[in-house]
PDB file of N, CA and C in Angstrom:
ATOM      1  N   MET A   1       0.845  -1.186   0.000  1.00  0.00           N
ATOM      2  CA  MET A   1       0.000   0.000   0.000  1.00  0.00           C
ATOM      3  C   MET A   1       0.888   1.248   0.000  1.00  0.00           C
ATOM      4  N   LYS A   2       1.000   1.902  -1.094  1.00  0.00           N
ATOM      5  CA  LYS A   2       1.785   3.125  -1.157  1.00  0.00           C
ATOM      6  C   LYS A   2       1.051   4.141  -2.011  1.00  0.00           C
ATOM      7  N   GLY A   3       1.011   5.381  -1.549  1.00  0.00           N
ATOM      8  CA  GLY A   3       0.409   6.441  -2.336  1.00  0.00           C
ATOM      9  C   GLY A   3      -1.098   6.395  -2.312  1.00  0.00           C
ATOM     10  N   ILE A   4      -1.695   6.282  -3.487  1.00  0.00           N
ATOM     11  CA  ILE A   4      -3.137   6.149  -3.558  1.00  0.00           C
ATOM     12  C   ILE A   4      -3.460   4.682  -3.389  1.00  0.00           C
ATOM     13  N   ILE A   5      -4.223   4.406  -2.373  1.00  0.00           N
ATOM     14  CA  ILE A   5      -4.546   3.036  -2.028  1.00  0.00           C
ATOM     15  C   ILE A   5      -5.945   2.739  -2.538  1.00  0.00           C
ATOM     16  N   GLY A   6      -6.050   1.869  -3.487  1.00  0.00           N
ATOM     17  CA  GLY A   6      -7.349   1.480  -3.999  1.00  0.00           C
ATOM     18  C   GLY A   6      -7.690   0.093  -3.489  1.00  0.00           C
ATOM     19  N   ASP A   7      -8.953  -0.114  -3.180  1.00  0.00           N
ATOM     20  CA  ASP A   7      -9.347  -1.460  -2.771  1.00  0.00           C
ATOM     21  C   ASP A   7     -10.211  -2.077  -3.863  1.00  0.00           C
ATOM     22  N   ASN A   8     -10.706  -3.275  -3.631  1.00  0.00           N
ATOM     23  CA  ASN A   8     -11.478  -3.987  -4.643  1.00  0.00           C
ATOM     24  C   ASN A   8     -12.774  -3.277  -5.016  1.00  0.00           C
ATOM     25  N   ASP A   9     -13.291  -2.427  -4.137  1.00  0.00           N
ATOM     26  CA  ASP A   9     -14.529  -1.707  -4.412  1.00  0.00           C
ATOM     27  C   ASP A   9     -14.284  -0.363  -5.088  1.00  0.00           C
ATOM     28  N   GLY A  10     -13.025  -0.032  -5.358  1.00  0.00           N
ATOM     29  CA  GLY A  10     -12.710   1.227  -6.028  1.00  0.00           C
ATOM     30  C   GLY A  10     -12.566   2.423  -5.096  1.00  0.00           C
ATOM     31  N   ASN A  11     -12.590   2.206  -3.779  1.00  0.00           N
ATOM     32  CA  ASN A  11     -12.392   3.302  -2.833  1.00  0.00           C
ATOM     33  C   ASN A  11     -10.938   3.735  -2.893  1.00  0.00           C
ATOM     34  N   GLU A  12     -10.705   5.016  -2.721  1.00  0.00           N
ATOM     35  CA  GLU A  12      -9.335   5.520  -2.768  1.00  0.00           C
ATOM     36  C   GLU A  12      -8.972   6.224  -1.476  1.00  0.00           C
ATOM     37  N   TRP A  13      -7.856   5.834  -0.927  1.00  0.00           N
ATOM     38  CA  TRP A  13      -7.308   6.443   0.279  1.00  0.00           C
ATOM     39  C   TRP A  13      -5.912   6.925  -0.085  1.00  0.00           C
ATOM     40  N   ILE A  14      -5.585   8.153   0.275  1.00  0.00           N
ATOM     41  CA  ILE A  14      -4.291   8.728  -0.073  1.00  0.00           C
ATOM     42  C   ILE A  14      -3.435   8.825   1.189  1.00  0.00           C
ATOM     43  N   ASN A  15      -2.273   8.206   1.147  1.00  0.00           N
ATOM     44  CA  ASN A  15      -1.327   8.296   2.244  1.00  0.00           C
ATOM     45  C   ASN A  15      -0.616   9.643   2.103  1.00  0.00           C
ATOM     46  N   ALA A  16      -0.773  10.495   3.106  1.00  0.00           N
ATOM     47  CA  ALA A  16      -0.236  11.857   3.048  1.00  0.00           C
ATOM     48  C   ALA A  16       1.294  11.905   2.927  1.00  0.00           C
ATOM     49  N   TYR A  17       1.971  10.812   3.216  1.00  0.00           N
ATOM     50  CA  TYR A  17       3.433  10.816   3.230  1.00  0.00           C
ATOM     51  C   TYR A  17       4.068  10.249   1.962  1.00  0.00           C
ATOM     52  N   SER A  18       3.298   9.579   1.132  1.00  0.00           N
ATOM     53  CA  SER A  18       3.865   8.876  -0.015  1.00  0.00           C
ATOM     54  C   SER A  18       4.518   9.800  -1.033  1.00  0.00           C
ATOM     55  N   ALA A  19       3.917  10.939  -1.310  1.00  0.00           N
ATOM     56  CA  ALA A  19       4.512  11.868  -2.274  1.00  0.00           C
ATOM     57  C   ALA A  19       5.850  12.400  -1.755  1.00  0.00           C
ATOM     58  N   LYS A  20       5.907  12.706  -0.466  1.00  0.00           N
ATOM     59  CA  LYS A  20       7.156  13.205   0.130  1.00  0.00           C
ATOM     60  C   LYS A  20       8.239  12.124   0.096  1.00  0.00           C
ATOM     61  N   VAL A  21       7.845  10.873   0.366  1.00  0.00           N
ATOM     62  CA  VAL A  21       8.808   9.764   0.310  1.00  0.00           C
ATOM     63  C   VAL A  21       9.388   9.656  -1.099  1.00  0.00           C
ATOM     64  N   LYS A  22       8.536   9.720  -2.093  1.00  0.00           N
ATOM     65  CA  LYS A  22       9.004   9.624  -3.482  1.00  0.00           C
ATOM     66  C   LYS A  22       9.978  10.754  -3.805  1.00  0.00           C
ATOM     67  N   GLU A  23       9.631  11.962  -3.386  1.00  0.00           N
ATOM     68  CA  GLU A  23      10.494  13.124  -3.621  1.00  0.00           C
ATOM     69  C   GLU A  23      11.847  12.947  -2.926  1.00  0.00           C
ATOM     70  N   LEU A  24      11.819  12.511  -1.674  1.00  0.00           N
ATOM     71  CA  LEU A  24      13.060  12.344  -0.909  1.00  0.00           C
ATOM     72  C   LEU A  24      13.907  11.195  -1.443  1.00  0.00           C
ATOM     73  N   GLN A  25      13.272  10.158  -1.965  1.00  0.00           N
ATOM     74  CA  GLN A  25      14.038   9.060  -2.555  1.00  0.00           C
ATOM     75  C   GLN A  25      14.864   9.568  -3.736  1.00  0.00           C
ATOM     76  N   GLN A  26      14.274  10.436  -4.547  1.00  0.00           N
ATOM     77  CA  GLN A  26      15.016  11.003  -5.669  1.00  0.00           C
ATOM     78  C   GLN A  26      16.144  11.906  -5.171  1.00  0.00           C
ATOM     79  N   LYS A  27      15.857  12.719  -4.156  1.00  0.00           N
ATOM     80  CA  LYS A  27      16.896  13.579  -3.589  1.00  0.00           C
ATOM     81  C   LYS A  27      18.037  12.751  -3.011  1.00  0.00           C
ATOM     82  N   ALA A  28      17.698  11.631  -2.377  1.00  0.00           N
ATOM     83  CA  ALA A  28      18.725  10.763  -1.796  1.00  0.00           C
ATOM     84  C   ALA A  28      19.601  10.152  -2.887  1.00  0.00           C
ATOM     85  N   LEU A  29      19.000   9.805  -4.013  1.00  0.00           N
ATOM     86  CA  LEU A  29      19.791   9.281  -5.136  1.00  0.00           C
ATOM     87  C   LEU A  29      20.712  10.352  -5.704  1.00  0.00           C
ATOM     88  N   ASP A  30      20.206  11.587  -5.763  1.00  0.00           N
ATOM     89  CA  ASP A  30      20.998  12.693  -6.298  1.00  0.00           C
ATOM     90  C   ASP A  30      22.073  13.167  -5.323  1.00  0.00           C
ATOM     91  N   ASN A  31      21.859  12.933  -4.018  1.00  0.00           N
ATOM     92  CA  ASN A  31      22.777  13.393  -2.964  1.00  0.00           C
ATOM     93  C   ASN A  31      23.045  12.249  -1.985  1.00  0.00           C
ATOM     94  N   PRO A  32      23.759  11.216  -2.419  1.00  0.00           N
ATOM     95  CA  PRO A  32      23.910  10.003  -1.596  1.00  0.00           C
ATOM     96  C   PRO A  32      24.625  10.205  -0.255  1.00  0.00           C
ATOM     97  N   ASN A  33      25.354  11.283  -0.075  1.00  0.00           N
ATOM     98  CA  ASN A  33      26.090  11.513   1.170  1.00  0.00           C
ATOM     99  C   ASN A  33      25.408  12.517   2.099  1.00  0.00           C
ATOM    100  N   ASP A  34      24.195  12.935   1.770  1.00  0.00           N
ATOM    101  CA  ASP A  34      23.484  13.931   2.564  1.00  0.00           C
ATOM    102  C   ASP A  34      22.703  13.249   3.685  1.00  0.00           C
ATOM    103  N   LYS A  35      23.227  13.334   4.895  1.00  0.00           N
ATOM    104  CA  LYS A  35      22.614  12.677   6.060  1.00  0.00           C
ATOM    105  C   LYS A  35      21.267  13.299   6.430  1.00  0.00           C
ATOM    106  N   LYS A  36      21.115  14.601   6.183  1.00  0.00           N
ATOM    107  CA  LYS A  36      19.844  15.262   6.494  1.00  0.00           C
ATOM    108  C   LYS A  36      18.714  14.666   5.644  1.00  0.00           C
ATOM    109  N   ILE A  37      18.981  14.506   4.352  1.00  0.00           N
ATOM    110  CA  ILE A  37      17.986  13.901   3.461  1.00  0.00           C
ATOM    111  C   ILE A  37      17.732  12.456   3.875  1.00  0.00           C
ATOM    112  N   GLU A  38      18.780  11.729   4.182  1.00  0.00           N
ATOM    113  CA  GLU A  38      18.652  10.329   4.603  1.00  0.00           C
ATOM    114  C   GLU A  38      17.767  10.205   5.849  1.00  0.00           C
ATOM    115  N   ASN A  39      17.999  11.063   6.836  1.00  0.00           N
ATOM    116  CA  ASN A  39      17.207  11.022   8.068  1.00  0.00           C
ATOM    117  C   ASN A  39      15.753  11.415   7.824  1.00  0.00           C
ATOM    118  N   GLU A  40      15.541  12.436   6.994  1.00  0.00           N
ATOM    119  CA  GLU A  40      14.180  12.860   6.684  1.00  0.00           C
ATOM    120  C   GLU A  40      13.430  11.761   5.924  1.00  0.00           C
ATOM    121  N   LEU A  41      14.117  11.103   4.994  1.00  0.00           N
ATOM    122  CA  LEU A  41      13.507  10.005   4.247  1.00  0.00           C
ATOM    123  C   LEU A  41      13.123   8.860   5.178  1.00  0.00           C
ATOM    124  N   LYS A  42      13.991   8.544   6.120  1.00  0.00           N
ATOM    125  CA  LYS A  42      13.696   7.476   7.080  1.00  0.00           C
ATOM    126  C   LYS A  42      12.438   7.806   7.883  1.00  0.00           C
ATOM    127  N   ARG A  43      12.345   9.021   8.359  1.00  0.00           N
ATOM    128  CA  ARG A  43      11.182   9.438   9.154  1.00  0.00           C
ATOM    129  C   ARG A  43       9.902   9.401   8.320  1.00  0.00           C
ATOM    130  N   GLU A  44       9.946   9.920   7.109  1.00  0.00           N
ATOM    131  CA  GLU A  44       8.761   9.929   6.248  1.00  0.00           C
ATOM    132  C   GLU A  44       8.324   8.504   5.898  1.00  0.00           C
ATOM    133  N   LYS A  45       9.282   7.601   5.685  1.00  0.00           N
ATOM    134  CA  LYS A  45       8.934   6.200   5.414  1.00  0.00           C
ATOM    135  C   LYS A  45       8.256   5.560   6.621  1.00  0.00           C
ATOM    136  N   GLU A  46       8.733   5.891   7.818  1.00  0.00           N
ATOM    137  CA  GLU A  46       8.107   5.359   9.033  1.00  0.00           C
ATOM    138  C   GLU A  46       6.683   5.873   9.182  1.00  0.00           C
ATOM    139  N   LEU A  47       6.479   7.153   8.919  1.00  0.00           N
ATOM    140  CA  LEU A  47       5.133   7.726   8.988  1.00  0.00           C
ATOM    141  C   LEU A  47       4.225   7.117   7.918  1.00  0.00           C
ATOM    142  N   GLU A  48       4.774   6.913   6.736  1.00  0.00           N
ATOM    143  CA  GLU A  48       4.015   6.290   5.654  1.00  0.00           C
ATOM    144  C   GLU A  48       3.563   4.882   6.055  1.00  0.00           C
ATOM    145  N   ALA A  49       4.451   4.127   6.671  1.00  0.00           N
ATOM    146  CA  ALA A  49       4.110   2.767   7.109  1.00  0.00           C
ATOM    147  C   ALA A  49       3.030   2.783   8.190  1.00  0.00           C
ATOM    148  N   ILE A  50       3.103   3.750   9.096  1.00  0.00           N
ATOM    149  CA  ILE A  50       2.091   3.869  10.152  1.00  0.00           C
ATOM    150  C   ILE A  50       0.725   4.148   9.538  1.00  0.00           C
ATOM    151  N   VAL A  51       0.667   5.068   8.582  1.00  0.00           N
ATOM    152  CA  VAL A  51      -0.607   5.395   7.938  1.00  0.00           C
ATOM    153  C   VAL A  51      -1.147   4.190   7.171  1.00  0.00           C
ATOM    154  N   ASP A  52      -0.277   3.496   6.441  1.00  0.00           N
ATOM    155  CA  ASP A  52      -0.722   2.295   5.731  1.00  0.00           C
ATOM    156  C   ASP A  52      -1.339   1.291   6.706  1.00  0.00           C
ATOM    157  N   SER A  53      -0.700   1.134   7.851  1.00  0.00           N
ATOM    158  CA  SER A  53      -1.209   0.217   8.869  1.00  0.00           C
ATOM    159  C   SER A  53      -2.556   0.677   9.416  1.00  0.00           C
ATOM    160  N   HIS A  54      -2.701   1.980   9.662  1.00  0.00           N
ATOM    161  CA  HIS A  54      -3.975   2.521  10.164  1.00  0.00           C
ATOM    162  C   HIS A  54      -5.107   2.313   9.165  1.00  0.00           C
ATOM    163  N   ILE A  55      -4.828   2.528   7.903  1.00  0.00           N
ATOM    164  CA  ILE A  55      -5.861   2.334   6.883  1.00  0.00           C
ATOM    165  C   ILE A  55      -6.279   0.864   6.828  1.00  0.00           C
ATOM    166  N   LYS A  56      -5.307  -0.023   6.859  1.00  0.00           N
ATOM    167  CA  LYS A  56      -5.618  -1.461   6.838  1.00  0.00           C
ATOM    168  C   LYS A  56      -6.411  -1.860   8.081  1.00  0.00           C
ATOM    169  N   THR A  57      -6.023  -1.335   9.229  1.00  0.00           N
ATOM    170  CA  THR A  57      -6.740  -1.642  10.470  1.00  0.00           C
ATOM    171  C   THR A  57      -8.179  -1.145  10.406  1.00  0.00           C
ATOM    172  N   LEU A  58      -8.375   0.055   9.886  1.00  0.00           N
ATOM    173  CA  LEU A  58      -9.728   0.588   9.739  1.00  0.00           C
ATOM    174  C   LEU A  58     -10.554  -0.309   8.826  1.00  0.00           C
ATOM    175  N   MET A  59      -9.981  -0.701   7.710  1.00  0.00           N
ATOM    176  CA  MET A  59     -10.692  -1.560   6.775  1.00  0.00           C
ATOM    177  C   MET A  59     -11.024  -2.915   7.411  1.00  0.00           C
ATOM    178  N   ASP A  60     -10.084  -3.473   8.151  1.00  0.00           N
ATOM    179  CA  ASP A  60     -10.285  -4.782   8.780  1.00  0.00           C
ATOM    180  C   ASP A  60     -11.279  -4.746   9.934  1.00  0.00           C
ATOM    181  N   ASN A  61     -11.306  -3.635  10.683  1.00  0.00           N
ATOM    182  CA  ASN A  61     -12.091  -3.586  11.913  1.00  0.00           C
ATOM    183  C   ASN A  61     -13.421  -2.851  11.814  1.00  0.00           C
ATOM    184  N   ASP A  62     -13.571  -1.976  10.830  1.00  0.00           N
ATOM    185  CA  ASP A  62     -14.827  -1.224  10.721  1.00  0.00           C
ATOM    186  C   ASP A  62     -15.113  -0.933   9.252  1.00  0.00           C
ATOM    187  N   ILE A  63     -15.467  -1.974   8.536  1.00  0.00           N
ATOM    188  CA  ILE A  63     -15.673  -1.852   7.096  1.00  0.00           C
ATOM    189  C   ILE A  63     -16.799  -0.872   6.762  1.00  0.00           C
ATOM    190  N   SER A  64     -17.797  -0.771   7.639  1.00  0.00           N
ATOM    191  CA  SER A  64     -18.908   0.163   7.380  1.00  0.00           C
ATOM    192  C   SER A  64     -18.410   1.606   7.379  1.00  0.00           C
ATOM    193  N   LEU A  65     -17.638   1.976   8.383  1.00  0.00           N
ATOM    194  CA  LEU A  65     -17.078   3.328   8.436  1.00  0.00           C
ATOM    195  C   LEU A  65     -16.124   3.548   7.267  1.00  0.00           C
ATOM    196  N   TYR A  66     -15.295   2.569   7.000  1.00  0.00           N
ATOM    197  CA  TYR A  66     -14.344   2.647   5.887  1.00  0.00           C
ATOM    198  C   TYR A  66     -15.081   2.944   4.582  1.00  0.00           C
ATOM    199  N   ASN A  67     -16.131   2.180   4.299  1.00  0.00           N
ATOM    200  CA  ASN A  67     -16.884   2.363   3.059  1.00  0.00           C
ATOM    201  C   ASN A  67     -17.642   3.682   3.043  1.00  0.00           C
ATOM    202  N   TYR A  68     -18.203   4.078   4.177  1.00  0.00           N
ATOM    203  CA  TYR A  68     -18.943   5.345   4.249  1.00  0.00           C
ATOM    204  C   TYR A  68     -18.033   6.518   3.890  1.00  0.00           C
ATOM    205  N   VAL A  69     -16.896   6.584   4.532  1.00  0.00           N
ATOM    206  CA  VAL A  69     -15.969   7.694   4.291  1.00  0.00           C
ATOM    207  C   VAL A  69     -15.426   7.630   2.866  1.00  0.00           C
ATOM    208  N   ALA A  70     -15.074   6.440   2.422  1.00  0.00           N
ATOM    209  CA  ALA A  70     -14.482   6.288   1.091  1.00  0.00           C
ATOM    210  C   ALA A  70     -15.459   6.625  -0.029  1.00  0.00           C
ATOM    211  N   ASN A  71     -16.750   6.495   0.224  1.00  0.00           N
ATOM    212  CA  ASN A  71     -17.752   6.724  -0.813  1.00  0.00           C
ATOM    213  C   ASN A  71     -18.416   8.089  -0.738  1.00  0.00           C
ATOM    214  N   LEU A  72     -17.878   8.992   0.070  1.00  0.00           N
ATOM    215  CA  LEU A  72     -18.439  10.340   0.157  1.00  0.00           C
ATOM    216  C   LEU A  72     -18.360  11.047  -1.196  1.00  0.00           C
ATOM    217  N   GLN A  73     -19.389  11.821  -1.500  1.00  0.00           N
ATOM    218  CA  GLN A  73     -19.407  12.614  -2.723  1.00  0.00           C
ATOM    219  C   GLN A  73     -19.926  14.008  -2.401  1.00  0.00           C
ATOM    220  N   VAL A  74     -19.547  14.963  -3.225  1.00  0.00           N
ATOM    221  CA  VAL A  74     -20.096  16.317  -3.127  1.00  0.00           C
ATOM    222  C   VAL A  74     -20.801  16.619  -4.440  1.00  0.00           C
ATOM    223  N   LYS A  75     -21.880  17.392  -4.340  1.00  0.00           N
ATOM    224  CA  LYS A  75     -22.619  17.780  -5.537  1.00  0.00           C
ATOM    225  C   LYS A  75     -22.082  19.110  -6.041  1.00  0.00           C
ATOM    226  N   THR A  76     -21.795  19.166  -7.323  1.00  0.00           N
ATOM    227  CA  THR A  76     -21.334  20.392  -7.957  1.00  0.00           C
ATOM    228  C   THR A  76     -22.239  20.679  -9.163  1.00  0.00           C
ATOM    229  N   LYS A  77     -22.014  21.792  -9.806  1.00  0.00           N
ATOM    230  CA  LYS A  77     -22.780  22.119 -11.010  1.00  0.00           C
ATOM    231  C   LYS A  77     -22.582  21.065 -12.096  1.00  0.00           C
ATOM    232  N   GLU A  78     -21.404  20.459 -12.102  1.00  0.00           N
ATOM    233  CA  GLU A  78     -21.065  19.448 -13.109  1.00  0.00           C
ATOM    234  C   GLU A  78     -21.546  18.049 -12.716  1.00  0.00           C
ATOM    235  N   GLY A  79     -22.105  17.900 -11.530  1.00  0.00           N
ATOM    236  CA  GLY A  79     -22.562  16.586 -11.068  1.00  0.00           C
ATOM    237  C   GLY A  79     -21.828  16.173  -9.803  1.00  0.00           C
ATOM    238  N   ASN A  80     -22.028  14.935  -9.408  1.00  0.00           N
ATOM    239  CA  ASN A  80     -21.386  14.427  -8.192  1.00  0.00           C
ATOM    240  C   ASN A  80     -19.893  14.208  -8.423  1.00  0.00           C
ATOM    241  N   LYS A  81     -19.109  14.578  -7.427  1.00  0.00           N
ATOM    242  CA  LYS A  81     -17.659  14.385  -7.469  1.00  0.00           C
ATOM    243  C   LYS A  81     -17.257  13.541  -6.271  1.00  0.00           C
ATOM    244  N   ASN A  82     -16.427  12.526  -6.521  1.00  0.00           N
ATOM    245  CA  ASN A  82     -15.938  11.690  -5.427  1.00  0.00           C
ATOM    246  C   ASN A  82     -14.991  12.479  -4.535  1.00  0.00           C
ATOM    247  N   VAL A  83     -15.030  12.180  -3.261  1.00  0.00           N
ATOM    248  CA  VAL A  83     -14.117  12.770  -2.288  1.00  0.00           C
ATOM    249  C   VAL A  83     -13.016  11.759  -2.035  1.00  0.00           C
ATOM    250  N   LYS A  84     -11.775  12.179  -2.238  1.00  0.00           N
ATOM    251  CA  LYS A  84     -10.648  11.305  -1.920  1.00  0.00           C
ATOM    252  C   LYS A  84     -10.259  11.552  -0.475  1.00  0.00           C
ATOM    253  N   VAL A  85      -9.892  10.510   0.212  1.00  0.00           N
ATOM    254  CA  VAL A  85      -9.581  10.582   1.630  1.00  0.00           C
ATOM    255  C   VAL A  85      -8.065  10.571   1.805  1.00  0.00           C
ATOM    256  N   THR A  86      -7.535  11.644   2.391  1.00  0.00           N
ATOM    257  CA  THR A  86      -6.107  11.719   2.672  1.00  0.00           C
ATOM    258  C   THR A  86      -5.895  11.448   4.150  1.00  0.00           C
ATOM    259  N   VAL A  87      -4.987  10.519   4.443  1.00  0.00           N
ATOM    260  CA  VAL A  87      -4.765  10.099   5.818  1.00  0.00           C
ATOM    261  C   VAL A  87      -3.349  10.473   6.255  1.00  0.00           C
ATOM    262  N   ALA A  88      -3.271  11.100   7.432  1.00  0.00           N
ATOM    263  CA  ALA A  88      -1.989  11.440   8.055  1.00  0.00           C
ATOM    264  C   ALA A  88      -2.117  11.137   9.544  1.00  0.00           C
ATOM    265  N   VAL A  89      -1.032  11.198  10.239  1.00  0.00           N
ATOM    266  CA  VAL A  89      -1.045  11.013  11.685  1.00  0.00           C
ATOM    267  C   VAL A  89      -0.617  12.309  12.347  1.00  0.00           C
ATOM    268  N   GLN A  90      -1.110  12.512  13.552  1.00  0.00           N
ATOM    269  CA  GLN A  90      -0.669  13.675  14.314  1.00  0.00           C
ATOM    270  C   GLN A  90       0.638  13.301  14.976  1.00  0.00           C
ATOM    271  N   GLU A  91       1.698  13.883  14.493  1.00  0.00           N
ATOM    272  CA  GLU A  91       3.037  13.517  14.954  1.00  0.00           C
ATOM    273  C   GLU A  91       3.265  13.846  16.420  1.00  0.00           C
ATOM    274  N   LEU A  92       2.436  14.687  17.008  1.00  0.00           N
ATOM    275  CA  LEU A  92       2.594  15.025  18.419  1.00  0.00           C
ATOM    276  C   LEU A  92       2.172  13.876  19.326  1.00  0.00           C
ATOM    277  N   ASP A  93       1.402  12.933  18.769  1.00  0.00           N
ATOM    278  CA  ASP A  93       0.853  11.848  19.560  1.00  0.00           C
ATOM    279  C   ASP A  93       1.828  10.700  19.802  1.00  0.00           C
ATOM    280  N   PHE A  94       2.958  10.675  19.124  1.00  0.00           N
ATOM    281  CA  PHE A  94       3.886   9.567  19.254  1.00  0.00           C
ATOM    282  C   PHE A  94       5.283  10.012  18.875  1.00  0.00           C
ATOM    283  N   ASP A  95       6.223   9.150  19.156  1.00  0.00           N
ATOM    284  CA  ASP A  95       7.606   9.429  18.798  1.00  0.00           C
ATOM    285  C   ASP A  95       8.113   8.291  17.914  1.00  0.00           C
ATOM    286  N   VAL A  96       8.478   8.585  16.686  1.00  0.00           N
ATOM    287  CA  VAL A  96       9.023   7.592  15.788  1.00  0.00           C
ATOM    288  C   VAL A  96      10.516   7.538  16.018  1.00  0.00           C
ATOM    289  N   GLU A  97      11.040   6.355  16.196  1.00  0.00           N
ATOM    290  CA  GLU A  97      12.483   6.207  16.425  1.00  0.00           C
ATOM    291  C   GLU A  97      13.184   5.726  15.188  1.00  0.00           C
TER     292      GLU A  97
END
């Protein structure tokens, strides 16, 4: 599960950290000796893994809520538009090592 997470029903969940991980991976390739980039990439990957786990746990434990949120739509002049769900964690709630 990385980036936009689609399930068998077509619901989409966006991991808020995946785009940053991709960006930092490229920076790390371009700057292999930059410890700051390396450390930031490690942290973003850890956060990405936590979010992936939370999404899977939500799907496994409360499929009704998962489907309700994933299937939200808004009405516009052009018709109904799907709402994509972006998931992040509040970093103040834990310490990633």
